[in-house]
Protein backbone atom coordinates (compact mmCIF):
# COMPACT_ATOMS: atom_id res chain seq x y z
CA UNK A 1 -66.08 -2.90 -51.44
CA UNK A 2 -66.98 -6.51 -50.69
CA UNK A 3 -64.03 -8.80 -50.19
CA UNK A 4 -61.51 -6.07 -49.44
CA UNK A 5 -61.35 -6.94 -45.73
CA UNK A 6 -60.76 -10.58 -46.60
CA UNK A 7 -58.06 -9.63 -49.08
CA UNK A 8 -56.32 -7.41 -46.52
CA UNK A 9 -56.47 -10.19 -43.93
CA UNK A 10 -54.98 -12.65 -46.42
CA UNK A 11 -52.16 -10.22 -47.26
CA UNK A 12 -51.40 -9.72 -43.55
CA UNK A 13 -51.39 -13.49 -43.07
CA UNK A 14 -48.91 -14.03 -45.91
CA UNK A 15 -46.65 -11.25 -44.61
CA UNK A 16 -46.81 -12.75 -41.12
CA UNK A 17 -45.89 -16.20 -42.46
CA UNK A 18 -42.84 -14.84 -44.30
CA UNK A 19 -41.70 -12.25 -41.74
CA UNK A 20 -38.17 -13.04 -40.54
CA UNK A 21 -38.84 -11.51 -37.12
CA UNK A 22 -41.70 -13.71 -35.92
CA UNK A 23 -41.67 -12.05 -32.50
CA UNK A 24 -43.15 -8.85 -33.91
CA UNK A 25 -46.87 -8.53 -34.52
CA UNK A 26 -47.87 -7.45 -38.01
CA UNK A 27 -50.01 -4.32 -38.17
CA UNK A 28 -50.88 -2.05 -41.07
CA UNK A 29 -48.25 0.41 -39.83
CA UNK A 30 -45.48 -2.21 -39.61
CA UNK A 31 -42.58 -1.44 -41.94
CA UNK A 32 -41.42 -4.52 -43.81
CA UNK A 33 -37.68 -3.91 -43.47
CA UNK A 34 -37.28 -1.90 -40.29
CA UNK A 35 -39.97 -3.53 -38.14
CA UNK A 36 -40.42 -7.04 -39.53
CA UNK A 37 -36.85 -7.77 -40.62
CA UNK A 38 -37.38 -8.34 -44.35
CA UNK A 39 -34.21 -8.21 -46.45
CA UNK A 40 -33.91 -8.08 -50.26
CA UNK A 41 -34.20 -11.82 -50.69
CA UNK A 42 -37.20 -12.13 -48.39
CA UNK A 43 -38.90 -9.14 -50.09
CA UNK A 44 -38.45 -10.88 -53.44
CA UNK A 45 -39.97 -14.04 -51.98
CA UNK A 46 -42.90 -12.04 -50.58
CA UNK A 47 -43.47 -10.38 -53.96
CA UNK A 48 -43.52 -13.79 -55.65
CA UNK A 49 -45.96 -15.22 -53.12
CA UNK A 50 -48.28 -12.21 -53.48
CA UNK A 51 -48.09 -12.36 -57.29
CA UNK A 52 -49.12 -16.01 -57.21
CA UNK A 53 -51.79 -15.61 -54.52
CA UNK A 54 -53.52 -12.66 -56.20
CA UNK A 55 -52.73 -13.21 -59.89
CA UNK A 56 -50.64 -10.04 -60.11
CA UNK A 57 -48.24 -9.03 -62.85
CA UNK A 58 -44.58 -9.56 -61.94
CA UNK A 59 -43.23 -7.12 -59.38
CA UNK A 60 -40.76 -4.48 -60.55
CA UNK A 61 -38.12 -2.90 -58.31
CA UNK A 62 -39.78 0.52 -58.49
CA UNK A 63 -43.32 -0.66 -57.82
CA UNK A 64 -43.18 -0.13 -54.07
CA UNK A 65 -40.49 2.36 -53.12
CA UNK A 66 -39.38 2.16 -49.49
CA UNK A 67 -39.96 2.45 -46.71
CA UNK A 68 -42.92 0.19 -47.33
CA UNK A 69 -45.54 -0.51 -44.72
CA UNK A 70 -48.00 -3.40 -44.66
CA UNK A 71 -50.73 -0.85 -45.49
CA UNK A 72 -48.81 0.12 -48.65
CA UNK A 73 -48.78 -3.49 -49.81
CA UNK A 74 -52.50 -3.84 -49.10
CA UNK A 75 -53.25 -0.62 -51.00
CA UNK A 76 -51.15 -1.71 -53.98
CA UNK A 77 -53.02 -5.01 -54.24
CA UNK A 78 -56.53 -3.70 -53.54
CA UNK A 79 -56.16 -0.67 -55.79
CA UNK A 80 -55.80 1.82 -52.96
CA UNK A 81 -58.96 0.85 -51.13
CA UNK A 82 -58.50 0.70 -47.35
């Protein structure tokens, strides 16, 4: 689908910008908590940024059960398209 690659790249960029562990590279298989160092507060901030950037409904605690990878976030926003 057109635009999906651009959307995925934008999501990766936002995750990279907010990742507490800036030394780690962000890949689709990166786990937000275990690999990139996100904690509850930073995950909430990421959810808010993604909601605003993509016009999403507010995030609920059960929307993305852990462990969550970057690919899971991309799939949730793009409707499951790779």
